[in-house]
């Protein structure tokens, strides 16, 4: 595969307010910034897949895996797309984790819109970032598990009758 696909730097971003956020993976490969837009579930799946892959790999850490570079992202890059399918692999010869992403609107299913290789340290960092970004969303209702927004939550577990924003009062008659 060669060193021409090695990620110089990678980062997960969430843009917008919880409940209306958009997610992207920023990566610098060969000095060019790529922005891979994805759904929250895709981001969560990527983070978990990286974590599971790292757990299955032998303990040996590549001596070349250091901290991410300080290269700056071009946040206005034209190399951006919305991901449809992602693949994760491992380059045994170079001890690198490989990420391949396909454009949701791509013409050729076989052609990848983005591919890069990352060190174990970068993969670990990315997995941790993904988990933190996903967890930073809207709080979930303890009864139904649905995300709660700024508006009053009508919980389906209470047949829509219990609103979490109302305090119980003493003047409610028991039946």
N, C-alpha and C. Protein backbone atom coordinates (compact mmCIF):
# COMPACT_ATOMS: atom_id res chain seq x y z
N UNK A 1 0.83 -1.20 0.00
CA UNK A 1 0.00 0.00 0.00
C UNK A 1 0.87 1.25 0.00
N UNK A 2 1.98 1.23 0.71
CA UNK A 2 2.92 2.35 0.67
C UNK A 2 2.59 3.44 1.65
N UNK A 3 3.59 4.27 1.94
CA UNK A 3 3.45 5.34 2.91
C UNK A 3 2.66 6.53 2.39
N UNK A 4 2.26 6.50 1.13
CA UNK A 4 1.55 7.64 0.57
C UNK A 4 0.14 7.79 1.11
N UNK A 5 -0.36 6.85 1.88
CA UNK A 5 -1.69 6.96 2.46
C UNK A 5 -1.66 7.16 3.98
N UNK A 6 -0.48 7.36 4.54
CA UNK A 6 -0.38 7.54 5.98
C UNK A 6 -1.03 8.86 6.41
N UNK A 7 -1.87 8.77 7.44
CA UNK A 7 -2.53 9.97 7.97
C UNK A 7 -1.53 10.75 8.79
N UNK A 8 -1.39 12.02 8.47
CA UNK A 8 -0.52 12.89 9.25
C UNK A 8 -1.22 13.33 10.53
N UNK A 9 -2.54 13.53 10.41
CA UNK A 9 -3.33 13.96 11.56
C UNK A 9 -4.79 13.59 11.30
N UNK A 10 -5.51 13.24 12.38
CA UNK A 10 -6.93 12.90 12.28
C UNK A 10 -7.67 13.49 13.46
N UNK A 11 -8.94 13.84 13.22
CA UNK A 11 -9.74 14.43 14.29
C UNK A 11 -11.22 14.24 13.98
N UNK A 12 -12.02 14.05 15.02
CA UNK A 12 -13.47 13.96 14.91
C UNK A 12 -14.06 15.31 15.32
N UNK A 13 -15.06 15.77 14.57
CA UNK A 13 -15.73 17.01 14.93
C UNK A 13 -17.24 16.82 14.91
N UNK A 14 -17.92 17.52 15.81
CA UNK A 14 -19.38 17.62 15.81
C UNK A 14 -19.69 19.10 15.66
N UNK A 15 -20.47 19.43 14.66
CA UNK A 15 -20.82 20.82 14.40
C UNK A 15 -22.31 21.02 14.65
N UNK A 16 -22.67 22.09 15.35
CA UNK A 16 -24.07 22.37 15.63
C UNK A 16 -24.42 22.06 17.07
N UNK A 17 -25.70 22.27 17.37
CA UNK A 17 -26.22 22.04 18.71
C UNK A 17 -26.68 20.60 18.86
N UNK A 18 -26.58 20.03 20.07
CA UNK A 18 -27.09 18.66 20.27
C UNK A 18 -28.53 18.54 19.76
N UNK A 19 -28.77 17.48 19.04
CA UNK A 19 -30.07 17.25 18.41
C UNK A 19 -30.09 17.73 16.98
N UNK A 20 -29.13 18.57 16.63
CA UNK A 20 -29.04 19.10 15.27
C UNK A 20 -27.57 19.16 14.86
N UNK A 21 -26.81 18.13 15.26
CA UNK A 21 -25.38 18.13 14.98
C UNK A 21 -25.07 17.36 13.70
N UNK A 22 -23.95 17.73 13.11
CA UNK A 22 -23.39 17.01 11.97
C UNK A 22 -22.00 16.57 12.38
N UNK A 23 -21.58 15.40 11.90
CA UNK A 23 -20.33 14.80 12.33
C UNK A 23 -19.40 14.60 11.14
N UNK A 24 -18.11 14.82 11.39
CA UNK A 24 -17.15 14.57 10.33
C UNK A 24 -15.81 14.12 10.91
N UNK A 25 -15.14 13.34 10.09
CA UNK A 25 -13.76 12.91 10.36
C UNK A 25 -12.88 13.76 9.47
N UNK A 26 -11.98 14.51 10.08
CA UNK A 26 -10.99 15.28 9.33
C UNK A 26 -9.69 14.52 9.32
N UNK A 27 -9.05 14.46 8.17
CA UNK A 27 -7.79 13.74 8.07
C UNK A 27 -6.87 14.46 7.08
N UNK A 28 -5.60 14.51 7.42
CA UNK A 28 -4.61 15.07 6.51
C UNK A 28 -3.77 13.91 5.99
N UNK A 29 -3.82 13.72 4.67
CA UNK A 29 -3.06 12.68 3.99
C UNK A 29 -2.33 13.35 2.84
N UNK A 30 -1.02 13.17 2.78
CA UNK A 30 -0.19 13.81 1.75
C UNK A 30 -0.38 15.33 1.72
N UNK A 31 -0.55 15.94 2.87
CA UNK A 31 -0.69 17.38 2.96
C UNK A 31 -2.07 17.90 2.56
N UNK A 32 -2.99 17.01 2.21
CA UNK A 32 -4.33 17.43 1.81
C UNK A 32 -5.35 17.02 2.87
N UNK A 33 -6.28 17.92 3.16
CA UNK A 33 -7.32 17.65 4.14
C UNK A 33 -8.52 17.01 3.47
N UNK A 34 -9.01 15.95 4.10
CA UNK A 34 -10.23 15.28 3.67
C UNK A 34 -11.25 15.42 4.79
N UNK A 35 -12.50 15.69 4.41
CA UNK A 35 -13.60 15.76 5.38
C UNK A 35 -14.61 14.68 5.02
N UNK A 36 -14.75 13.71 5.90
CA UNK A 36 -15.66 12.59 5.69
C UNK A 36 -16.86 12.79 6.61
N UNK A 37 -17.99 13.21 6.05
CA UNK A 37 -19.19 13.47 6.82
C UNK A 37 -19.92 12.15 7.08
N UNK A 38 -20.41 11.97 8.31
CA UNK A 38 -21.10 10.72 8.64
C UNK A 38 -22.21 10.95 9.65
N UNK A 39 -23.07 9.95 9.76
CA UNK A 39 -24.14 9.95 10.75
C UNK A 39 -23.55 9.60 12.12
N UNK A 40 -24.26 9.97 13.16
CA UNK A 40 -23.81 9.68 14.52
C UNK A 40 -23.59 8.18 14.72
N UNK A 41 -24.49 7.35 14.18
CA UNK A 41 -24.37 5.91 14.33
C UNK A 41 -23.13 5.38 13.60
N UNK A 42 -22.80 5.97 12.45
CA UNK A 42 -21.60 5.56 11.72
C UNK A 42 -20.35 5.92 12.51
N UNK A 43 -20.35 7.11 13.11
CA UNK A 43 -19.22 7.54 13.92
C UNK A 43 -19.05 6.61 15.12
N UNK A 44 -20.15 6.27 15.77
CA UNK A 44 -20.09 5.37 16.92
C UNK A 44 -19.57 4.00 16.49
N UNK A 45 -20.05 3.50 15.35
CA UNK A 45 -19.61 2.19 14.85
C UNK A 45 -18.12 2.21 14.51
N UNK A 46 -17.64 3.30 13.92
CA UNK A 46 -16.21 3.41 13.59
C UNK A 46 -15.38 3.37 14.87
N UNK A 47 -15.77 4.13 15.88
CA UNK A 47 -15.04 4.15 17.14
C UNK A 47 -14.99 2.78 17.79
N UNK A 48 -16.13 2.09 17.81
CA UNK A 48 -16.17 0.75 18.41
C UNK A 48 -15.35 -0.25 17.61
N UNK A 49 -15.42 -0.17 16.27
CA UNK A 49 -14.65 -1.09 15.42
C UNK A 49 -13.15 -0.89 15.62
N UNK A 50 -12.72 0.36 15.74
CA UNK A 50 -11.30 0.63 16.00
C UNK A 50 -10.88 0.05 17.34
N UNK A 51 -11.71 0.25 18.35
CA UNK A 51 -11.41 -0.27 19.69
C UNK A 51 -11.30 -1.80 19.67
N UNK A 52 -12.24 -2.45 18.99
CA UNK A 52 -12.22 -3.91 18.91
C UNK A 52 -11.01 -4.41 18.14
N UNK A 53 -10.65 -3.72 17.06
CA UNK A 53 -9.48 -4.13 16.28
C UNK A 53 -8.21 -4.01 17.12
N UNK A 54 -8.09 -2.92 17.84
CA UNK A 54 -6.91 -2.72 18.69
C UNK A 54 -6.80 -3.81 19.75
N UNK A 55 -7.93 -4.25 20.29
CA UNK A 55 -7.92 -5.31 21.30
C UNK A 55 -7.46 -6.64 20.72
N UNK A 56 -7.74 -6.89 19.44
CA UNK A 56 -7.39 -8.17 18.82
C UNK A 56 -5.96 -8.21 18.27
N UNK A 57 -5.35 -7.04 18.09
CA UNK A 57 -3.99 -7.02 17.53
C UNK A 57 -2.97 -7.47 18.57
N UNK A 58 -1.85 -8.07 18.10
CA UNK A 58 -0.78 -8.42 19.03
C UNK A 58 -0.29 -7.17 19.76
N UNK A 59 0.34 -7.36 20.90
CA UNK A 59 0.75 -6.25 21.75
C UNK A 59 1.83 -5.35 21.17
N UNK A 60 2.62 -5.83 20.24
CA UNK A 60 3.75 -5.04 19.73
C UNK A 60 3.27 -3.74 19.12
N UNK A 61 3.82 -2.65 19.59
CA UNK A 61 3.52 -1.32 19.06
C UNK A 61 4.63 -0.92 18.12
N UNK A 62 4.26 -0.40 16.99
CA UNK A 62 5.24 0.04 16.01
C UNK A 62 6.06 1.18 16.58
N UNK A 63 7.40 1.14 16.41
CA UNK A 63 8.23 2.22 16.95
C UNK A 63 7.98 3.55 16.24
N UNK A 64 7.34 3.52 15.09
CA UNK A 64 7.08 4.75 14.34
C UNK A 64 5.79 5.44 14.77
N UNK A 65 5.03 4.85 15.69
CA UNK A 65 3.76 5.43 16.06
C UNK A 65 3.95 6.46 17.17
N UNK A 66 3.99 7.69 16.78
CA UNK A 66 4.16 8.76 17.74
C UNK A 66 2.91 9.60 17.81
N UNK A 67 3.03 10.77 18.38
CA UNK A 67 1.90 11.68 18.49
C UNK A 67 1.53 12.24 17.13
N UNK A 68 0.30 12.69 17.04
CA UNK A 68 -0.17 13.28 15.79
C UNK A 68 0.64 14.53 15.48
N UNK A 69 0.77 14.80 14.19
CA UNK A 69 1.51 15.99 13.79
C UNK A 69 0.68 17.23 14.11
N UNK A 70 1.29 18.37 14.01
CA UNK A 70 0.58 19.61 14.30
C UNK A 70 0.13 20.31 13.03
N UNK A 71 0.07 19.58 11.92
CA UNK A 71 -0.40 20.15 10.66
C UNK A 71 -1.83 20.66 10.87
N UNK A 72 -2.14 21.80 10.26
CA UNK A 72 -3.46 22.41 10.41
C UNK A 72 -4.41 21.90 9.34
N UNK A 73 -5.65 21.67 9.74
CA UNK A 73 -6.68 21.22 8.81
C UNK A 73 -7.15 22.38 7.95
N UNK A 74 -7.43 22.09 6.69
CA UNK A 74 -8.09 23.04 5.79
C UNK A 74 -9.58 22.75 5.90
N UNK A 75 -10.28 23.46 6.77
CA UNK A 75 -11.68 23.18 7.04
C UNK A 75 -12.59 23.55 5.88
N UNK A 76 -12.06 24.23 4.90
CA UNK A 76 -12.83 24.60 3.70
C UNK A 76 -12.48 23.69 2.52
N UNK A 77 -11.84 22.57 2.77
CA UNK A 77 -11.39 21.68 1.72
C UNK A 77 -12.52 21.30 0.76
N UNK A 78 -12.16 21.11 -0.48
CA UNK A 78 -13.13 20.65 -1.48
C UNK A 78 -13.19 19.12 -1.48
N UNK A 79 -12.28 18.49 -0.78
CA UNK A 79 -12.24 17.02 -0.71
C UNK A 79 -13.11 16.57 0.46
N UNK A 80 -14.41 16.67 0.28
CA UNK A 80 -15.33 16.24 1.32
C UNK A 80 -16.54 15.56 0.69
N UNK A 81 -17.08 14.62 1.44
CA UNK A 81 -18.22 13.85 0.95
C UNK A 81 -18.93 13.22 2.13
N UNK A 82 -20.12 12.72 1.86
CA UNK A 82 -20.90 12.02 2.87
C UNK A 82 -20.68 10.52 2.68
N UNK A 83 -20.30 9.86 3.75
CA UNK A 83 -19.92 8.45 3.67
C UNK A 83 -21.16 7.57 3.57
N UNK A 84 -21.04 6.55 2.73
CA UNK A 84 -22.08 5.54 2.63
C UNK A 84 -21.64 4.28 3.32
N UNK A 85 -20.47 3.80 2.95
CA UNK A 85 -19.95 2.54 3.49
C UNK A 85 -18.50 2.77 3.91
N UNK A 86 -18.11 2.16 5.02
CA UNK A 86 -16.73 2.24 5.48
C UNK A 86 -16.18 0.84 5.67
N UNK A 87 -14.87 0.70 5.46
CA UNK A 87 -14.18 -0.56 5.66
C UNK A 87 -12.99 -0.31 6.56
N UNK A 88 -12.68 -1.31 7.36
CA UNK A 88 -11.54 -1.23 8.27
C UNK A 88 -10.69 -2.45 8.03
N UNK A 89 -9.39 -2.24 7.97
CA UNK A 89 -8.48 -3.36 7.74
C UNK A 89 -7.18 -3.14 8.49
N UNK A 90 -6.28 -4.09 8.29
CA UNK A 90 -4.99 -4.01 8.98
C UNK A 90 -3.88 -4.38 8.00
N UNK A 91 -2.87 -3.51 7.91
CA UNK A 91 -1.69 -3.74 7.09
C UNK A 91 -0.63 -4.34 8.00
N UNK A 92 -0.49 -5.65 7.93
CA UNK A 92 0.42 -6.39 8.81
C UNK A 92 1.88 -6.01 8.58
N UNK A 93 2.26 -5.78 7.32
CA UNK A 93 3.65 -5.45 7.00
C UNK A 93 4.10 -4.14 7.63
N UNK A 94 3.22 -3.17 7.67
CA UNK A 94 3.56 -1.84 8.18
C UNK A 94 2.99 -1.56 9.57
N UNK A 95 2.23 -2.51 10.14
CA UNK A 95 1.58 -2.33 11.43
C UNK A 95 0.74 -1.05 11.43
N UNK A 96 -0.17 -0.98 10.48
CA UNK A 96 -1.06 0.18 10.35
C UNK A 96 -2.50 -0.28 10.19
N UNK A 97 -3.42 0.49 10.74
CA UNK A 97 -4.84 0.24 10.55
C UNK A 97 -5.29 1.06 9.34
N UNK A 98 -6.05 0.41 8.49
CA UNK A 98 -6.48 1.04 7.23
C UNK A 98 -7.97 1.36 7.31
N UNK A 99 -8.32 2.60 6.95
CA UNK A 99 -9.72 3.02 6.88
C UNK A 99 -10.01 3.40 5.43
N UNK A 100 -11.09 2.84 4.90
CA UNK A 100 -11.53 3.15 3.53
C UNK A 100 -12.98 3.61 3.63
N UNK A 101 -13.30 4.72 2.98
CA UNK A 101 -14.65 5.26 3.00
C UNK A 101 -15.14 5.47 1.58
N UNK A 102 -16.40 5.12 1.35
CA UNK A 102 -17.02 5.26 0.04
C UNK A 102 -18.07 6.36 0.09
N UNK A 103 -18.11 7.18 -0.94
CA UNK A 103 -19.05 8.28 -1.05
C UNK A 103 -20.47 7.73 -1.20
N UNK A 104 -21.39 8.23 -0.39
CA UNK A 104 -22.78 7.81 -0.45
C UNK A 104 -23.36 8.03 -1.85
N UNK A 105 -22.93 9.11 -2.49
CA UNK A 105 -23.44 9.46 -3.82
C UNK A 105 -22.47 9.09 -4.93
N UNK A 106 -21.48 8.24 -4.61
CA UNK A 106 -20.46 7.88 -5.59
C UNK A 106 -21.03 7.08 -6.75
N UNK A 107 -20.44 7.28 -7.92
CA UNK A 107 -20.89 6.58 -9.12
C UNK A 107 -20.42 5.14 -9.12
N UNK A 108 -19.19 4.92 -8.74
CA UNK A 108 -18.60 3.58 -8.77
C UNK A 108 -18.48 3.04 -7.34
N UNK A 109 -19.20 1.98 -7.05
CA UNK A 109 -19.18 1.39 -5.70
C UNK A 109 -17.78 0.90 -5.33
N UNK A 110 -17.02 0.45 -6.32
CA UNK A 110 -15.69 -0.11 -6.04
C UNK A 110 -14.66 0.97 -5.73
N UNK A 111 -14.90 2.19 -6.19
CA UNK A 111 -13.94 3.27 -5.97
C UNK A 111 -14.12 3.90 -4.60
N UNK A 112 -13.04 3.98 -3.86
CA UNK A 112 -13.08 4.62 -2.54
C UNK A 112 -12.90 6.12 -2.72
N UNK A 113 -13.65 6.89 -1.96
CA UNK A 113 -13.50 8.34 -1.99
C UNK A 113 -12.36 8.77 -1.06
N UNK A 114 -12.04 7.89 -0.10
CA UNK A 114 -11.02 8.21 0.88
C UNK A 114 -10.41 6.92 1.41
N UNK A 115 -9.10 6.93 1.57
CA UNK A 115 -8.40 5.80 2.20
C UNK A 115 -7.18 6.35 2.92
N UNK A 116 -6.92 5.82 4.09
CA UNK A 116 -5.72 6.22 4.82
C UNK A 116 -5.28 5.10 5.75
N UNK A 117 -4.04 5.20 6.17
CA UNK A 117 -3.49 4.27 7.15
C UNK A 117 -3.14 5.07 8.39
N UNK A 118 -3.39 4.48 9.55
CA UNK A 118 -3.06 5.18 10.79
C UNK A 118 -2.32 4.25 11.74
N UNK A 119 -1.56 4.84 12.61
CA UNK A 119 -0.84 4.08 13.62
C UNK A 119 -1.84 3.60 14.68
N UNK A 120 -1.40 2.70 15.50
CA UNK A 120 -2.25 2.24 16.61
C UNK A 120 -2.58 3.41 17.54
N UNK A 121 -1.60 4.25 17.79
CA UNK A 121 -1.82 5.41 18.68
C UNK A 121 -2.89 6.33 18.09
N UNK A 122 -2.83 6.58 16.78
CA UNK A 122 -3.84 7.42 16.14
C UNK A 122 -5.21 6.75 16.22
N UNK A 123 -5.26 5.44 16.01
CA UNK A 123 -6.53 4.71 16.07
C UNK A 123 -7.12 4.76 17.47
N UNK A 124 -6.28 4.61 18.48
CA UNK A 124 -6.72 4.68 19.88
C UNK A 124 -7.30 6.06 20.17
N UNK A 125 -6.58 7.08 19.74
CA UNK A 125 -7.01 8.47 19.95
C UNK A 125 -8.35 8.72 19.26
N UNK A 126 -8.48 8.25 18.02
CA UNK A 126 -9.70 8.44 17.24
C UNK A 126 -10.88 7.72 17.89
N UNK A 127 -10.66 6.53 18.41
CA UNK A 127 -11.71 5.77 19.07
C UNK A 127 -12.20 6.50 20.32
N UNK A 128 -11.28 7.04 21.08
CA UNK A 128 -11.63 7.80 22.29
C UNK A 128 -12.39 9.06 21.93
N UNK A 129 -11.93 9.78 20.90
CA UNK A 129 -12.61 10.99 20.43
C UNK A 129 -14.03 10.68 19.98
N UNK A 130 -14.18 9.61 19.20
CA UNK A 130 -15.50 9.23 18.70
C UNK A 130 -16.46 8.96 19.85
N UNK A 131 -16.01 8.23 20.86
CA UNK A 131 -16.86 7.92 22.01
C UNK A 131 -17.24 9.20 22.76
N UNK A 132 -16.30 10.11 22.92
CA UNK A 132 -16.57 11.36 23.64
C UNK A 132 -17.55 12.24 22.87
N UNK A 133 -17.39 12.33 21.56
CA UNK A 133 -18.28 13.16 20.73
C UNK A 133 -19.69 12.59 20.74
N UNK A 134 -19.81 11.27 20.61
CA UNK A 134 -21.13 10.63 20.62
C UNK A 134 -21.81 10.83 21.98
N UNK A 135 -21.06 10.69 23.06
CA UNK A 135 -21.61 10.82 24.41
C UNK A 135 -22.01 12.25 24.74
N UNK A 136 -21.47 13.22 24.02
CA UNK A 136 -21.74 14.63 24.33
C UNK A 136 -23.06 15.11 23.74
N UNK A 137 -23.86 14.22 23.21
CA UNK A 137 -25.14 14.59 22.62
C UNK A 137 -26.19 14.89 23.67
N UNK A 138 -27.44 14.88 23.23
CA UNK A 138 -28.57 15.16 24.14
C UNK A 138 -28.68 14.09 25.21
N UNK A 139 -29.10 14.47 26.40
CA UNK A 139 -29.31 13.45 27.45
C UNK A 139 -30.46 12.54 27.05
N UNK A 140 -30.42 11.30 27.52
CA UNK A 140 -31.47 10.33 27.19
C UNK A 140 -32.42 10.17 28.38
N UNK A 141 -33.67 9.96 28.04
CA UNK A 141 -34.70 9.72 29.06
C UNK A 141 -34.39 8.40 29.76
N UNK A 142 -34.46 8.39 31.07
CA UNK A 142 -34.15 7.18 31.83
C UNK A 142 -35.24 6.12 31.67
N UNK A 143 -36.41 6.51 31.23
CA UNK A 143 -37.50 5.54 31.10
C UNK A 143 -37.57 4.93 29.70
N UNK A 144 -37.47 5.76 28.66
CA UNK A 144 -37.65 5.23 27.30
C UNK A 144 -36.35 5.19 26.50
N UNK A 145 -35.32 5.88 26.95
CA UNK A 145 -34.05 5.87 26.24
C UNK A 145 -33.97 6.83 25.08
N UNK A 146 -35.04 7.55 24.79
CA UNK A 146 -35.05 8.49 23.67
C UNK A 146 -34.31 9.78 24.06
N UNK A 147 -33.68 10.43 23.07
CA UNK A 147 -33.00 11.70 23.38
C UNK A 147 -34.01 12.77 23.78
N UNK A 148 -33.61 13.58 24.75
CA UNK A 148 -34.47 14.67 25.20
C UNK A 148 -33.88 15.99 24.73
N UNK A 149 -34.72 16.84 24.20
CA UNK A 149 -34.28 18.14 23.71
C UNK A 149 -34.65 19.23 24.69
N UNK A 150 -34.54 20.48 24.27
CA UNK A 150 -34.88 21.59 25.15
C UNK A 150 -36.39 21.69 25.42
N UNK A 151 -37.21 21.16 24.51
CA UNK A 151 -38.66 21.19 24.71
C UNK A 151 -39.06 20.10 25.70
N UNK A 152 -40.25 20.23 26.29
CA UNK A 152 -40.70 19.21 27.25
C UNK A 152 -40.73 17.83 26.59
N UNK A 153 -40.31 16.82 27.34
CA UNK A 153 -40.27 15.45 26.83
C UNK A 153 -41.55 14.71 27.21
N UNK A 154 -42.23 14.17 26.22
CA UNK A 154 -43.41 13.35 26.47
C UNK A 154 -42.95 11.92 26.27
N UNK A 155 -42.88 11.18 27.35
CA UNK A 155 -42.31 9.84 27.33
C UNK A 155 -43.34 8.81 26.87
N UNK A 156 -43.02 8.05 25.81
CA UNK A 156 -43.96 7.03 25.35
C UNK A 156 -44.19 5.92 26.38
N UNK A 157 -43.25 5.73 27.31
CA UNK A 157 -43.42 4.72 28.35
C UNK A 157 -44.54 5.09 29.32
N UNK A 158 -44.87 6.36 29.33
CA UNK A 158 -45.96 6.84 30.18
C UNK A 158 -47.19 7.17 29.34
N UNK A 159 -47.26 6.58 28.15
CA UNK A 159 -48.37 6.82 27.22
C UNK A 159 -48.56 8.30 26.94
N UNK A 160 -47.45 9.03 26.97
CA UNK A 160 -47.50 10.46 26.65
C UNK A 160 -48.05 11.32 27.76
N UNK A 161 -48.33 10.76 28.94
CA UNK A 161 -48.96 11.54 30.01
C UNK A 161 -47.97 12.14 31.00
N UNK A 162 -46.77 11.62 31.09
CA UNK A 162 -45.81 12.11 32.07
C UNK A 162 -44.80 13.01 31.37
N UNK A 163 -44.75 14.25 31.82
CA UNK A 163 -43.79 15.18 31.26
C UNK A 163 -42.69 15.39 32.28
N UNK A 164 -41.45 15.21 31.85
CA UNK A 164 -40.31 15.33 32.77
C UNK A 164 -40.08 16.76 33.25
N UNK A 165 -40.68 17.75 32.58
CA UNK A 165 -40.43 19.14 32.97
C UNK A 165 -41.38 19.62 34.06
N UNK A 166 -42.39 18.82 34.43
CA UNK A 166 -43.35 19.24 35.45
C UNK A 166 -42.98 18.63 36.80
N UNK A 167 -43.09 19.42 37.81
CA UNK A 167 -42.86 18.95 39.17
C UNK A 167 -44.17 18.35 39.70
N UNK A 168 -44.11 17.28 40.45
CA UNK A 168 -45.33 16.72 41.03
C UNK A 168 -45.93 17.74 42.03
N UNK A 169 -47.24 17.77 42.06
CA UNK A 169 -47.90 18.69 43.01
C UNK A 169 -48.70 17.87 44.00
N UNK A 170 -49.01 18.52 45.14
CA UNK A 170 -49.79 17.85 46.19
C UNK A 170 -51.27 17.85 45.88
N UNK A 171 -51.72 18.72 44.96
CA UNK A 171 -53.17 18.82 44.73
C UNK A 171 -53.64 17.85 43.64
N UNK A 172 -52.86 16.80 43.36
CA UNK A 172 -53.30 15.77 42.41
C UNK A 172 -54.01 14.69 43.21
N UNK A 173 -55.22 14.38 42.79
CA UNK A 173 -56.01 13.39 43.49
C UNK A 173 -55.59 11.99 43.09
N UNK A 174 -55.47 11.11 44.06
CA UNK A 174 -55.16 9.72 43.75
C UNK A 174 -56.42 9.02 43.33
N UNK A 175 -56.31 8.09 42.39
CA UNK A 175 -57.47 7.36 41.90
C UNK A 175 -57.52 6.00 42.50
